[in-house]
Amino acid sequence: MLELRNVDTYYGNIHALKGINLEVNEGEIITLIGANGAGKSTTLMSISGIVPPRSGEVLYKGEAIHNVAPDKIVAMGICQVPEGRHIFPQLTVQENLDMGAFLRSDKRGIQKDLDYVFSLFPILDERRHQPGGNLSGGEQQMLAMSRALMARPDLLLLDEPSMGLAPLIIRQIFEIIKKINDEHNTTIFLVEQNANQALHIADRGYVIENGQITLSDKADKLLSNEAVRKAYLGG
């Protein structure tokens, strides 16, 4: 479904991604793990067109998208949940969800997806008329994910969904990620510092260090890899 070929991405003169090669197959959960500043978020932003690569290719369903505008990439079926959530704090929960469906005109399908996200996160249904800025951190993460789902993506990019959340909420978020993948066959590319949780729900994983992919394998193999355990799993 997605392939990055020799992607180099820069911030000014800073060489953030250095020859990244990876692929995501339809229906998979892929995770990209690494330390702060390793290039995880930049990888997602290179895919979604926010920070386009300076060289290399990003292919989605066989079509080059590395020179496509971000809104067009969303229309093609890729949606990103950004690090830090970035909900619209002054808008209500309902209005935030409406923004997720901005590019759609199928009212029946929109209502069906609205019912679905409320079934995933019943607390959002209870808070649907409250401003997004009044929600807790966990509820804002639920809203950010739901807003992305309202675009009905084929490929969902998740950037640090567990950041700043309590352990109980983190478990809930990861259960929902797996449920979205299982029930809707939504392909998921998960960037996450919580490597242990990410690898437990992923099919495959990549390790990124200093802007380069240093390791890739099935998730269970990475969980048992001694170097990965020492660097990212606390053991």
Protein backbone atom coordinates (compact mmCIF):
# COMPACT_ATOMS: atom_id res chain seq x y z
CA MET A 1 0.00 0.00 0.00
CA LEU A 2 2.79 2.42 0.93
CA GLU A 3 6.46 2.46 0.01
CA LEU A 4 9.26 4.88 0.80
CA ARG A 5 12.27 4.63 -1.49
CA ASN A 6 15.54 6.32 -0.50
CA VAL A 7 13.72 9.25 1.11
CA ASP A 8 15.85 12.19 2.22
CA THR A 9 14.08 14.95 4.13
CA TYR A 10 15.59 18.19 5.43
CA TYR A 11 14.67 20.99 7.80
CA GLY A 12 16.69 23.79 6.23
CA ASN A 13 20.24 22.41 6.31
CA ILE A 14 19.43 19.71 8.86
CA HIS A 15 19.40 16.28 7.21
CA ALA A 16 16.54 14.64 9.17
CA LEU A 17 15.87 11.50 7.09
CA LYS A 18 18.74 9.77 5.32
CA GLY A 19 17.78 7.28 2.64
CA ILE A 20 14.68 5.85 4.32
CA ASN A 21 13.32 2.64 2.79
CA LEU A 22 10.21 1.00 4.19
CA GLU A 23 6.92 -0.50 3.10
CA VAL A 24 3.46 -0.95 4.57
CA ASN A 25 1.16 -3.68 3.26
CA GLU A 26 -2.60 -3.41 3.17
CA GLY A 27 -4.27 -4.41 6.44
CA GLU A 28 -1.09 -4.32 8.51
CA ILE A 29 -0.19 -2.45 11.66
CA ILE A 30 3.36 -1.21 11.21
CA THR A 31 5.24 0.55 13.98
CA LEU A 32 8.27 2.80 13.76
CA ILE A 33 10.19 3.03 17.02
CA GLY A 34 13.17 5.13 18.02
CA ALA A 35 14.46 7.73 20.42
CA ASN A 36 13.44 11.39 20.53
CA GLY A 37 14.77 13.21 17.49
CA ALA A 38 15.47 10.01 15.55
CA GLY A 39 13.15 11.00 12.68
CA LYS A 40 9.90 9.21 13.54
CA SER A 41 7.55 12.19 13.20
CA THR A 42 9.46 13.48 10.16
CA THR A 43 8.81 10.15 8.44
CA LEU A 44 5.06 10.59 8.89
CA MET A 45 5.18 14.22 7.78
CA SER A 46 7.10 13.22 4.67
CA ILE A 47 4.34 10.74 3.84
CA SER A 48 1.49 13.20 4.45
CA GLY A 49 3.14 16.01 2.48
CA ILE A 50 3.68 18.40 5.39
CA VAL A 51 7.48 18.21 5.04
CA PRO A 52 8.04 16.88 1.52
CA PRO A 53 11.19 14.85 0.84
CA ARG A 54 14.02 16.60 -0.96
CA SER A 55 14.85 13.37 -2.78
CA GLY A 56 13.53 9.83 -3.06
CA GLU A 57 9.97 8.61 -3.62
CA VAL A 58 6.83 8.08 -1.58
CA LEU A 59 4.45 5.69 -3.35
CA TYR A 60 0.86 5.10 -2.26
CA LYS A 61 -0.99 2.28 -4.00
CA GLY A 62 1.68 2.50 -6.69
CA GLU A 63 1.24 6.24 -7.28
CA ALA A 64 3.95 8.78 -6.46
CA ILE A 65 2.70 11.26 -3.83
CA HIS A 66 5.89 13.00 -2.67
CA ASN A 67 4.99 16.12 -4.67
CA VAL A 68 1.27 16.07 -3.82
CA ALA A 69 -0.30 18.70 -1.53
CA PRO A 70 -1.36 17.51 1.96
CA ASP A 71 -5.10 18.07 1.38
CA LYS A 72 -4.94 16.00 -1.81
CA ILE A 73 -3.15 13.23 0.10
CA VAL A 74 -6.01 13.18 2.62
CA ALA A 75 -8.48 12.93 -0.26
CA MET A 76 -6.51 9.93 -1.57
CA GLY A 77 -7.09 8.06 1.69
CA ILE A 78 -4.19 8.91 4.04
CA CYS A 79 -4.93 10.72 7.29
CA GLN A 80 -2.53 11.63 10.10
CA VAL A 81 -3.23 12.03 13.81
CA PRO A 82 -0.48 14.48 14.78
CA GLU A 83 1.74 14.40 17.83
CA GLY A 84 0.17 16.65 20.46
CA ARG A 85 -3.36 15.97 19.06
CA HIS A 86 -3.92 19.49 17.61
CA ILE A 87 -7.66 19.43 17.99
CA PHE A 88 -9.58 22.69 17.52
CA PRO A 89 -9.99 23.76 21.18
CA GLN A 90 -12.70 26.38 20.58
CA LEU A 91 -14.85 24.04 18.50
CA THR A 92 -17.15 21.49 20.07
CA VAL A 93 -16.44 17.78 19.90
CA GLN A 94 -19.12 17.48 17.21
CA GLU A 95 -17.61 20.35 15.19
CA ASN A 96 -14.13 18.79 15.42
CA LEU A 97 -15.58 15.56 14.03
CA ASP A 98 -17.38 17.49 11.28
CA MET A 99 -14.00 18.95 10.28
CA GLY A 100 -12.66 15.43 9.87
CA ALA A 101 -15.38 14.77 7.30
CA PHE A 102 -14.82 18.11 5.54
CA LEU A 103 -13.88 16.56 2.19
CA ARG A 104 -16.85 14.18 2.18
CA SER A 105 -20.39 14.68 0.91
CA ASP A 106 -21.93 11.24 1.59
CA LYS A 107 -24.26 12.17 4.46
CA ARG A 108 -25.34 8.61 5.17
CA GLY A 109 -21.76 7.38 5.29
CA ILE A 110 -20.74 10.30 7.51
CA GLN A 111 -23.51 9.48 9.98
CA LYS A 112 -22.49 5.82 9.98
CA ASP A 113 -18.89 6.74 10.75
CA LEU A 114 -20.02 9.18 13.44
CA ASP A 115 -21.98 6.39 15.10
CA TYR A 116 -18.91 4.17 14.82
CA VAL A 117 -16.50 6.61 16.53
CA PHE A 118 -19.06 7.19 19.29
CA SER A 119 -19.23 3.41 19.78
CA LEU A 120 -15.43 3.34 20.07
CA PHE A 121 -15.32 6.31 22.43
CA PRO A 122 -18.70 6.71 24.22
CA ILE A 123 -17.29 9.58 26.32
CA LEU A 124 -17.12 11.71 23.14
CA ASP A 125 -20.84 11.17 22.58
CA GLU A 126 -21.47 12.41 26.12
CA ARG A 127 -19.25 15.45 25.50
CA ARG A 128 -20.26 16.14 21.90
CA HIS A 129 -21.50 19.69 22.64
CA GLN A 130 -18.52 20.66 24.82
CA PRO A 131 -15.50 22.60 23.47
CA GLY A 132 -12.61 20.31 22.60
CA GLY A 133 -10.32 22.39 24.80
CA ASN A 134 -12.31 21.36 27.88
CA LEU A 135 -11.52 17.66 27.41
CA SER A 136 -8.83 15.79 29.34
CA GLY A 137 -5.63 14.77 27.55
CA GLY A 138 -6.92 11.25 27.00
CA GLU A 139 -10.25 12.49 25.69
CA GLN A 140 -8.46 14.89 23.32
CA GLN A 141 -6.43 11.95 21.98
CA MET A 142 -9.66 10.03 21.43
CA LEU A 143 -11.08 13.07 19.61
CA ALA A 144 -7.99 13.46 17.42
CA MET A 145 -8.20 9.80 16.39
CA SER A 146 -11.94 10.03 15.79
CA ARG A 147 -11.55 13.19 13.70
CA ALA A 148 -9.08 11.31 11.47
CA LEU A 149 -11.44 8.33 11.19
CA MET A 150 -14.20 10.67 9.99
CA ALA A 151 -12.14 11.13 6.81
CA ARG A 152 -12.53 7.35 6.34
CA PRO A 153 -8.84 6.73 5.62
CA ASP A 154 -7.45 3.56 4.10
CA LEU A 155 -4.13 4.36 5.80
CA LEU A 156 -4.10 5.91 9.28
CA LEU A 157 -0.87 7.55 10.47
CA LEU A 158 -0.62 7.79 14.27
CA ASP A 159 2.08 9.98 15.81
CA GLU A 160 2.80 9.22 19.49
CA PRO A 161 -0.81 8.48 20.54
CA SER A 162 0.27 7.52 24.07
CA MET A 163 2.22 10.71 24.79
CA GLY A 164 1.39 12.25 28.18
CA LEU A 165 -1.40 9.80 29.01
CA ALA A 166 -2.01 7.73 32.12
CA PRO A 167 -1.26 3.97 31.82
CA LEU A 168 -4.94 2.98 31.95
CA ILE A 169 -5.80 5.36 29.08
CA ILE A 170 -2.76 4.17 27.11
CA ARG A 171 -4.01 0.58 27.30
CA GLN A 172 -7.44 1.70 26.13
CA ILE A 173 -6.00 3.67 23.20
CA PHE A 174 -3.92 0.71 22.03
CA GLU A 175 -6.90 -1.65 22.31
CA ILE A 176 -8.90 0.76 20.12
CA ILE A 177 -6.07 0.97 17.56
CA LYS A 178 -6.13 -2.83 17.25
CA LYS A 179 -9.93 -2.80 17.04
CA ILE A 180 -9.90 -0.23 14.21
CA ASN A 181 -7.45 -2.42 12.31
CA ASP A 182 -9.45 -5.60 12.93
CA GLU A 183 -12.96 -4.28 12.31
CA HIS A 184 -12.38 -1.87 9.41
CA ASN A 185 -9.22 -3.43 7.97
CA THR A 186 -7.72 0.06 8.24
CA THR A 187 -3.98 -0.08 7.60
CA ILE A 188 -2.09 1.65 10.42
CA PHE A 189 1.36 3.18 10.54
CA LEU A 190 2.12 3.79 14.20
CA VAL A 191 4.97 6.00 15.43
CA GLU A 192 5.47 5.44 19.12
CA GLN A 193 8.03 5.89 21.90
CA ASN A 194 6.18 3.27 23.96
CA ALA A 195 7.87 0.52 22.00
CA ASN A 196 6.59 -2.30 24.19
CA GLN A 197 2.91 -1.44 23.66
CA ALA A 198 3.42 -0.69 19.97
CA LEU A 199 5.19 -3.96 19.20
CA HIS A 200 2.54 -5.97 21.04
CA ILE A 201 -0.17 -4.85 18.59
CA ALA A 202 1.95 -4.49 15.42
CA ASP A 203 2.57 -7.02 12.68
CA ARG A 204 6.00 -5.65 11.81
CA GLY A 205 8.29 -2.94 13.06
CA TYR A 206 11.14 -0.68 12.01
CA VAL A 207 13.79 0.89 14.21
CA ILE A 208 15.04 4.36 13.26
CA GLU A 209 18.24 5.92 14.60
CA ASN A 210 19.64 9.30 13.55
CA GLY A 211 17.38 9.45 10.50
CA GLN A 212 18.21 5.95 9.24
CA ILE A 213 16.38 2.62 9.43
CA THR A 214 18.74 0.32 11.33
CA LEU A 215 16.52 -2.72 11.82
CA SER A 216 13.26 -4.20 10.58
CA ASP A 217 11.54 -7.45 11.46
CA LYS A 218 8.30 -9.04 12.58
CA ALA A 219 7.07 -7.42 15.77
CA ASP A 220 7.50 -10.52 17.92
CA LYS A 221 11.10 -10.89 16.74
CA LEU A 222 11.84 -7.27 17.65
CA LEU A 223 10.28 -7.82 21.09
CA SER A 224 12.74 -10.62 21.74
CA ASN A 225 15.74 -8.88 20.12
CA GLU A 226 18.33 -8.20 22.83
CA ALA A 227 19.53 -4.90 21.34
CA VAL A 228 15.95 -3.63 20.98
CA ARG A 229 15.13 -4.73 24.52
CA LYS A 230 18.13 -2.87 25.94
CA ALA A 231 17.55 0.31 23.93
CA TYR A 232 13.74 0.62 23.92
CA LEU A 233 12.10 -1.92 26.20
CA GLY A 234 13.91 -1.31 29.48
CA GLY A 235 15.60 -4.66 29.64
